Amino acid sequence: MMRPTLISVFLILAALAAPAQAPAPSIAAKTVSTHATTQTKPTAKVVARVNGAALTDADLQREMLAMFPYARQHGGKIPPSMEATVRQGALQMIEFEELVYQEAQRRKMQINPGRLDYAMAEFRQQFDSEATFQRFLKTELHGSRKTLRDRIQRSLLIDRLLDLEVTSKSSVSDQEVRSYYDKNPAEFHVAERVAVQTISVVIPDDATAKDEVTARRHAEDVLKQARATKSYEEFGALAEKASDDEWRVMMGDHGAIEEGKMPPPVGKVAFAMKPGQISDLIRAENSFCIIRLNSHEAAKQLPFEQVRAQIKKNLQARRVDQLRSALNHQLRKTAKVTELS
């Protein structure tokens, strides 16, 4: 799973301590804007032990917020339907990070003092004032700069080992990218598509024969108005006013769509039309539908140069996930991990 650097995640501490309305530059500003603040500080309840090292619910909560950055939009909380899944994923992540940290210590890896000083200064710059920074230190770290330095050093060690075991091994060659393209032609085939706008007059599920006649008459009136339109914008404005389906908020625009993804009666008509043409009424499912065809795209194979960058990005992300998973498995084989309720 791809995720921010640990230093970025560590900055969530600052977001938890800082007022939601306080402006802050750079990384912290992004963190404050995307991670919810909490009304009460988490307790130090232990949720897991990794080779004896305690992981607390404060660690877990920060990781949950890192995994679900839209908590602010949900009243500062993760939606109940997602909480168990996010919690389990976050627990697995903080266990993995502790295992990586312990492995870095076992290898006697070091962080250059100058690099650590730079990271400390960079972290301090994320706060909009000295008062905000001091409040963070007091609230989260009992006022200890040494504890802050130790935590930043821990994050840097984790990042360094991950760079060594994951990032440096995840590069993808041009030959691999080309090979993937050649072996997976269907993935880069774009089917024949049409770009359409629609207006739908819905027939109620419990409609009588008389109700359906009434609906048809209304649809015929809308059709007359549709045929009087001369452009995408005019048809879209009518769709916003007259259509009964959810596409009305998009000016009736479905974008480019394949025939198999359309109701059969609609697809059959749409793929036989010419750009700019407006259809007759189409009885489809529970509605009378009117189509405006905006474009008709023939099936095509995307050229290699057009998709090269995306293939490389996808292959590298996949390799990163595989390497992280393998490292996690390797470290857990000889570790004692205990999760507490």
Protein backbone atom coordinates (compact mmCIF):
# COMPACT_ATOMS: atom_id res chain seq x y z
CA MET A 1 0.00 0.00 0.00
CA MET A 2 1.39 3.39 -0.98
CA ARG A 3 1.32 6.00 1.76
CA PRO A 4 2.96 9.32 2.74
CA THR A 5 6.44 9.39 4.21
CA LEU A 6 6.55 8.76 7.90
CA ILE A 7 7.68 12.31 8.58
CA SER A 8 4.49 13.54 6.87
CA VAL A 9 2.40 11.15 8.90
CA PHE A 10 4.18 12.22 12.07
CA LEU A 11 3.03 15.76 11.36
CA ILE A 12 -0.49 14.62 12.18
CA LEU A 13 0.63 15.12 15.76
CA ALA A 14 0.84 18.80 14.98
CA ALA A 15 -2.61 18.79 13.46
CA LEU A 16 -4.07 17.18 16.56
CA ALA A 17 -2.53 19.82 18.77
CA ALA A 18 -3.16 22.91 16.64
CA PRO A 19 -6.47 24.81 16.47
CA ALA A 20 -8.44 23.90 13.35
CA GLN A 21 -8.68 27.55 12.31
CA ALA A 22 -4.98 28.38 12.74
CA PRO A 23 -3.19 28.85 9.41
CA ALA A 24 0.04 26.93 8.97
CA PRO A 25 2.31 26.71 5.91
CA SER A 26 3.77 23.84 3.91
CA ILE A 27 3.22 20.21 4.93
CA ALA A 28 1.52 21.02 8.21
CA ALA A 29 -0.96 23.25 6.44
CA LYS A 30 -1.93 20.33 4.23
CA THR A 31 -2.14 18.06 7.25
CA VAL A 32 -4.34 20.47 9.18
CA SER A 33 -6.62 20.86 6.19
CA THR A 34 -7.02 17.15 5.56
CA HIS A 35 -6.91 15.50 8.99
CA ALA A 36 -9.57 16.00 11.61
CA THR A 37 -8.69 17.39 15.01
CA THR A 38 -9.89 15.56 18.10
CA GLN A 39 -11.75 17.05 21.00
CA THR A 40 -10.10 14.78 23.55
CA LYS A 41 -6.54 13.56 23.58
CA PRO A 42 -6.22 9.76 23.22
CA THR A 43 -5.24 7.85 26.32
CA ALA A 44 -2.08 5.76 26.51
CA LYS A 45 -3.94 2.46 26.40
CA VAL A 46 -1.76 -0.26 24.86
CA VAL A 47 -3.34 -1.84 21.76
CA ALA A 48 -0.45 -4.07 20.69
CA ARG A 49 3.06 -5.17 21.64
CA VAL A 50 5.79 -5.86 19.11
CA ASN A 51 8.66 -7.79 20.66
CA GLY A 52 7.66 -6.15 23.92
CA ALA A 53 7.45 -2.59 22.56
CA ALA A 54 4.08 -1.03 23.39
CA LEU A 55 1.91 0.57 20.71
CA THR A 56 -0.85 2.78 22.08
CA ASP A 57 -4.27 3.86 20.93
CA ALA A 58 -2.76 7.33 20.35
CA ASP A 59 -0.44 5.77 17.75
CA LEU A 60 -3.40 3.88 16.32
CA GLN A 61 -5.63 6.93 16.09
CA ARG A 62 -3.01 8.99 14.28
CA GLU A 63 -2.52 6.19 11.76
CA MET A 64 -6.27 5.86 11.25
CA LEU A 65 -6.43 9.57 10.48
CA ALA A 66 -3.54 9.17 8.04
CA MET A 67 -5.41 6.35 6.28
CA PHE A 68 -8.72 8.22 6.25
CA PRO A 69 -7.82 11.89 5.63
CA TYR A 70 -11.43 13.00 5.12
CA ALA A 71 -12.45 12.53 8.74
CA ARG A 72 -12.96 16.29 9.08
CA GLN A 73 -15.84 16.00 6.65
CA HIS A 74 -17.42 13.42 8.95
CA GLY A 75 -17.44 15.49 12.12
CA GLY A 76 -13.89 14.52 13.04
CA LYS A 77 -14.76 10.84 13.02
CA ILE A 78 -14.41 7.90 10.69
CA PRO A 79 -17.82 6.66 9.46
CA PRO A 80 -18.99 3.71 11.63
CA SER A 81 -19.37 1.50 8.55
CA MET A 82 -15.65 1.92 7.80
CA GLU A 83 -14.18 2.18 11.28
CA ALA A 84 -13.43 -1.52 11.85
CA THR A 85 -11.70 -1.89 8.47
CA VAL A 86 -9.68 1.32 8.88
CA ARG A 87 -8.74 0.36 12.43
CA GLN A 88 -7.44 -3.06 11.40
CA GLY A 89 -5.46 -1.59 8.52
CA ALA A 90 -3.99 1.07 10.79
CA LEU A 91 -3.08 -1.50 13.43
CA GLN A 92 -1.26 -3.61 10.84
CA MET A 93 0.60 -0.49 9.66
CA ILE A 94 1.86 0.66 13.07
CA GLU A 95 2.96 -2.90 13.82
CA PHE A 96 4.85 -2.99 10.51
CA GLU A 97 6.51 0.35 11.20
CA GLU A 98 7.63 -0.82 14.64
CA LEU A 99 9.07 -3.98 13.12
CA VAL A 100 10.93 -1.90 10.54
CA TYR A 101 12.25 0.42 13.25
CA GLN A 102 13.48 -2.51 15.33
CA GLU A 103 15.16 -3.99 12.25
CA ALA A 104 16.90 -0.66 11.60
CA GLN A 105 18.16 -0.72 15.19
CA ARG A 106 19.30 -4.32 14.83
CA ARG A 107 21.34 -3.32 11.79
CA LYS A 108 22.77 -0.40 13.81
CA MET A 109 21.63 2.09 11.18
CA GLN A 110 22.31 5.74 12.01
CA ILE A 111 20.92 9.13 11.02
CA ASN A 112 23.49 11.82 10.34
CA PRO A 113 23.18 14.52 13.07
CA GLY A 114 23.04 17.20 10.38
CA ARG A 115 20.14 15.42 8.66
CA LEU A 116 18.35 15.15 11.99
CA ASP A 117 18.93 18.84 12.77
CA TYR A 118 17.49 19.71 9.36
CA ALA A 119 14.42 17.53 9.95
CA MET A 120 13.88 19.16 13.35
CA ALA A 121 14.08 22.64 11.81
CA GLU A 122 11.77 21.61 8.96
CA PHE A 123 9.26 20.25 11.46
CA ARG A 124 9.35 23.45 13.52
CA GLN A 125 8.65 25.53 10.41
CA GLN A 126 5.31 23.81 9.94
CA PHE A 127 3.88 25.75 12.89
CA ASP A 128 2.52 29.27 12.38
CA SER A 129 3.96 30.56 15.66
CA GLU A 130 6.25 29.65 18.54
CA ALA A 131 3.20 29.54 20.80
CA THR A 132 1.53 26.91 18.62
CA PHE A 133 4.73 24.87 18.57
CA GLN A 134 5.11 25.08 22.36
CA ARG A 135 1.47 24.07 22.80
CA PHE A 136 2.13 21.04 20.63
CA LEU A 137 5.21 20.09 22.67
CA LYS A 138 3.33 20.47 25.93
CA THR A 139 0.19 18.62 24.81
CA GLU A 140 1.79 15.74 22.92
CA LEU A 141 5.31 15.40 24.27
CA HIS A 142 5.18 16.79 27.82
CA GLY A 143 7.23 19.78 26.64
CA SER A 144 10.22 17.62 25.69
CA ARG A 145 12.24 18.57 22.63
CA LYS A 146 14.33 15.46 23.19
CA THR A 147 11.23 13.28 22.80
CA LEU A 148 10.42 15.12 19.59
CA ARG A 149 13.96 14.57 18.32
CA ASP A 150 13.76 10.87 19.21
CA ARG A 151 10.47 10.46 17.37
CA ILE A 152 11.71 12.24 14.28
CA GLN A 153 14.85 10.11 14.36
CA ARG A 154 12.66 7.00 14.59
CA SER A 155 10.69 8.12 11.53
CA LEU A 156 13.87 8.83 9.58
CA LEU A 157 15.26 5.40 10.44
CA ILE A 158 12.07 3.72 9.26
CA ASP A 159 12.13 5.72 6.03
CA ARG A 160 15.81 4.89 5.51
CA LEU A 161 15.31 1.16 5.88
CA LEU A 162 12.25 1.27 3.59
CA ASP A 163 14.27 3.20 1.03
CA LEU A 164 16.91 0.48 1.20
CA GLU A 165 14.60 -2.54 1.09
CA VAL A 166 11.66 -1.21 -0.92
CA THR A 167 12.15 2.04 -2.84
CA SER A 168 15.61 1.25 -4.19
CA LYS A 169 14.40 -2.15 -5.38
CA SER A 170 11.16 -1.00 -6.97
CA SER A 171 12.48 0.61 -10.14
CA VAL A 172 10.95 -0.56 -13.40
CA SER A 173 12.97 -0.68 -16.62
CA ASP A 174 11.80 0.58 -20.00
CA GLN A 175 12.04 -2.99 -21.26
CA GLU A 176 9.62 -4.18 -18.54
CA VAL A 177 7.19 -1.42 -19.42
CA ARG A 178 7.28 -2.33 -23.12
CA SER A 179 6.93 -6.02 -22.33
CA TYR A 180 3.84 -5.36 -20.21
CA TYR A 181 2.26 -3.34 -23.02
CA ASP A 182 2.95 -6.05 -25.60
CA LYS A 183 1.62 -8.86 -23.40
CA ASN A 184 -1.59 -7.09 -22.37
CA PRO A 185 -3.04 -5.56 -25.54
CA ALA A 186 -6.64 -5.85 -24.35
CA GLU A 187 -5.86 -3.54 -21.44
CA PHE A 188 -5.06 -0.74 -23.88
CA HIS A 189 -7.92 -1.33 -26.28
CA VAL A 190 -10.62 1.33 -26.22
CA ALA A 191 -13.95 0.03 -27.46
CA GLU A 192 -16.21 1.92 -29.84
CA ARG A 193 -17.98 4.63 -27.85
CA VAL A 194 -20.50 7.40 -28.22
CA ALA A 195 -20.76 10.59 -26.18
CA VAL A 196 -24.39 11.33 -25.40
CA GLN A 197 -26.70 13.58 -23.46
CA THR A 198 -30.07 12.32 -22.37
CA ILE A 199 -33.40 13.55 -21.11
CA SER A 200 -35.59 10.99 -19.35
CA VAL A 201 -39.27 11.17 -18.48
CA VAL A 202 -39.77 8.55 -15.81
CA ILE A 203 -42.84 6.32 -15.66
CA PRO A 204 -43.77 5.46 -12.04
CA ASP A 205 -43.46 1.79 -11.12
CA ASP A 206 -47.14 1.61 -10.19
CA ALA A 207 -48.32 3.54 -13.25
CA THR A 208 -51.59 2.60 -14.87
CA ALA A 209 -52.12 2.50 -18.64
CA LYS A 210 -53.59 5.99 -18.36
CA ASP A 211 -50.52 7.21 -16.42
CA GLU A 212 -48.23 5.88 -19.13
CA VAL A 213 -50.21 7.70 -21.81
CA THR A 214 -49.90 10.91 -19.79
CA ALA A 215 -46.15 10.36 -19.42
CA ARG A 216 -45.78 9.77 -23.15
CA ARG A 217 -47.62 12.98 -23.96
CA HIS A 218 -45.35 14.89 -21.61
CA ALA A 219 -42.30 13.23 -23.17
CA GLU A 220 -43.52 14.16 -26.66
CA ASP A 221 -43.78 17.78 -25.55
CA VAL A 222 -40.22 17.64 -24.19
CA LEU A 223 -39.08 16.04 -27.46
CA LYS A 224 -40.41 19.01 -29.41
CA GLN A 225 -38.40 21.34 -27.19
CA ALA A 226 -35.31 19.14 -27.53
CA ARG A 227 -35.48 19.21 -31.32
CA ALA A 228 -35.61 22.99 -31.16
CA THR A 229 -32.23 23.10 -29.43
CA LYS A 230 -29.19 23.84 -31.56
CA SER A 231 -26.25 23.03 -29.33
CA TYR A 232 -24.83 20.98 -26.47
CA GLU A 233 -25.52 23.87 -24.09
CA GLU A 234 -29.16 24.35 -25.14
CA PHE A 235 -29.93 20.63 -24.89
CA GLY A 236 -28.14 20.53 -21.52
CA ALA A 237 -30.17 23.43 -20.18
CA LEU A 238 -33.36 21.61 -21.18
CA ALA A 239 -32.10 18.42 -19.53
CA GLU A 240 -31.50 20.31 -16.29
CA LYS A 241 -35.09 21.54 -16.36
CA ALA A 242 -37.04 18.63 -17.85
CA SER A 243 -35.19 15.38 -17.13
CA ASP A 244 -36.29 13.19 -14.22
CA ASP A 245 -33.04 11.24 -13.79
CA GLU A 246 -29.88 12.10 -11.83
CA TRP A 247 -27.95 13.00 -14.98
CA ARG A 248 -29.87 16.27 -15.18
CA VAL A 249 -27.34 17.85 -12.80
CA MET A 250 -24.67 17.07 -15.42
CA MET A 251 -26.69 18.66 -18.24
CA GLY A 252 -27.69 15.12 -19.15
CA ASP A 253 -24.08 14.40 -20.18
CA HIS A 254 -23.00 10.75 -19.80
CA GLY A 255 -19.64 11.33 -21.46
CA ALA A 256 -18.26 8.64 -23.77
CA ILE A 257 -19.88 5.26 -23.17
CA GLU A 258 -19.75 1.79 -24.73
CA GLU A 259 -22.88 0.20 -26.14
CA GLY A 260 -22.77 -2.67 -23.67
CA LYS A 261 -23.04 -0.22 -20.79
CA MET A 262 -26.27 1.30 -22.07
CA PRO A 263 -29.82 -0.11 -21.91
CA PRO A 264 -30.15 -2.15 -25.13
CA PRO A 265 -32.89 -0.01 -26.73
CA VAL A 266 -30.88 3.16 -26.05
CA GLY A 267 -27.57 1.70 -27.23
CA LYS A 268 -29.09 0.38 -30.47
CA VAL A 269 -30.41 3.84 -31.37
CA ALA A 270 -27.38 5.83 -30.15
CA PHE A 271 -24.83 3.87 -32.17
CA ALA A 272 -26.85 4.40 -35.34
CA MET A 273 -27.05 8.19 -34.95
CA LYS A 274 -24.85 10.98 -36.29
CA PRO A 275 -23.20 13.72 -34.18
CA GLY A 276 -25.62 16.54 -33.40
CA GLN A 277 -28.68 14.37 -34.10
CA ILE A 278 -31.54 14.07 -31.62
CA SER A 279 -33.45 10.79 -31.38
CA ASP A 280 -37.12 9.97 -31.31
CA LEU A 281 -38.61 8.85 -28.00
CA ILE A 282 -37.05 5.59 -26.83
CA ARG A 283 -39.00 3.38 -24.42
CA ALA A 284 -36.29 2.07 -22.12
CA GLU A 285 -36.83 0.40 -18.76
CA ASN A 286 -39.07 2.72 -16.74
CA SER A 287 -38.79 5.85 -18.86
CA PHE A 288 -39.11 7.58 -22.18
CA CYS A 289 -35.61 8.65 -23.20
CA ILE A 290 -34.38 11.31 -25.63
CA ILE A 291 -30.77 11.22 -26.84
CA ARG A 292 -28.49 13.87 -28.28
CA LEU A 293 -25.40 12.35 -29.87
CA ASN A 294 -22.30 14.52 -29.40
CA SER A 295 -19.61 12.30 -30.89
CA HIS A 296 -18.94 8.79 -32.13
CA GLU A 297 -15.49 7.31 -31.50
CA ALA A 298 -14.27 4.27 -33.38
CA ALA A 299 -12.57 1.46 -31.46
CA LYS A 300 -8.83 2.00 -31.15
CA GLN A 301 -5.65 0.68 -29.60
CA LEU A 302 -3.89 3.24 -27.42
CA PRO A 303 -0.32 3.75 -28.67
CA PHE A 304 2.55 2.76 -26.40
CA GLU A 305 3.89 6.29 -26.02
CA GLN A 306 0.52 7.49 -24.75
CA VAL A 307 0.36 4.94 -21.93
CA ARG A 308 4.06 4.41 -21.17
CA ALA A 309 4.17 6.70 -18.12
CA GLN A 310 1.01 5.26 -16.56
CA ILE A 311 2.19 1.67 -17.07
CA LYS A 312 5.49 2.47 -15.38
CA LYS A 313 3.72 4.16 -12.47
CA ASN A 314 1.35 1.22 -12.02
CA LEU A 315 4.10 -1.41 -12.22
CA GLN A 316 6.25 0.47 -9.74
CA ALA A 317 3.36 0.87 -7.30
CA ARG A 318 2.63 -2.83 -7.58
CA ARG A 319 6.30 -3.68 -6.95
CA VAL A 320 6.40 -1.39 -3.91
CA ASP A 321 3.36 -3.17 -2.47
CA GLN A 322 4.93 -6.57 -3.12
CA LEU A 323 8.24 -5.59 -1.53
CA ARG A 324 6.57 -4.07 1.52
CA SER A 325 4.40 -7.15 1.93
CA ALA A 326 7.43 -9.44 1.63
CA LEU A 327 9.37 -7.37 4.15
CA ASN A 328 6.44 -7.43 6.55
CA HIS A 329 6.16 -11.21 6.21
CA GLN A 330 9.89 -11.66 6.73
CA LEU A 331 10.01 -9.49 9.85
CA ARG A 332 6.94 -11.10 11.39
CA LYS A 333 8.38 -14.61 11.04
CA THR A 334 10.79 -14.06 13.93
CA ALA A 335 8.78 -11.45 15.86
CA LYS A 336 6.33 -11.72 18.69
CA VAL A 337 3.32 -9.52 17.92
CA THR A 338 0.46 -9.47 20.40
CA GLU A 339 -2.73 -7.51 19.76
CA LEU A 340 -4.78 -6.47 22.80
CA SER A 341 -8.48 -5.72 22.83
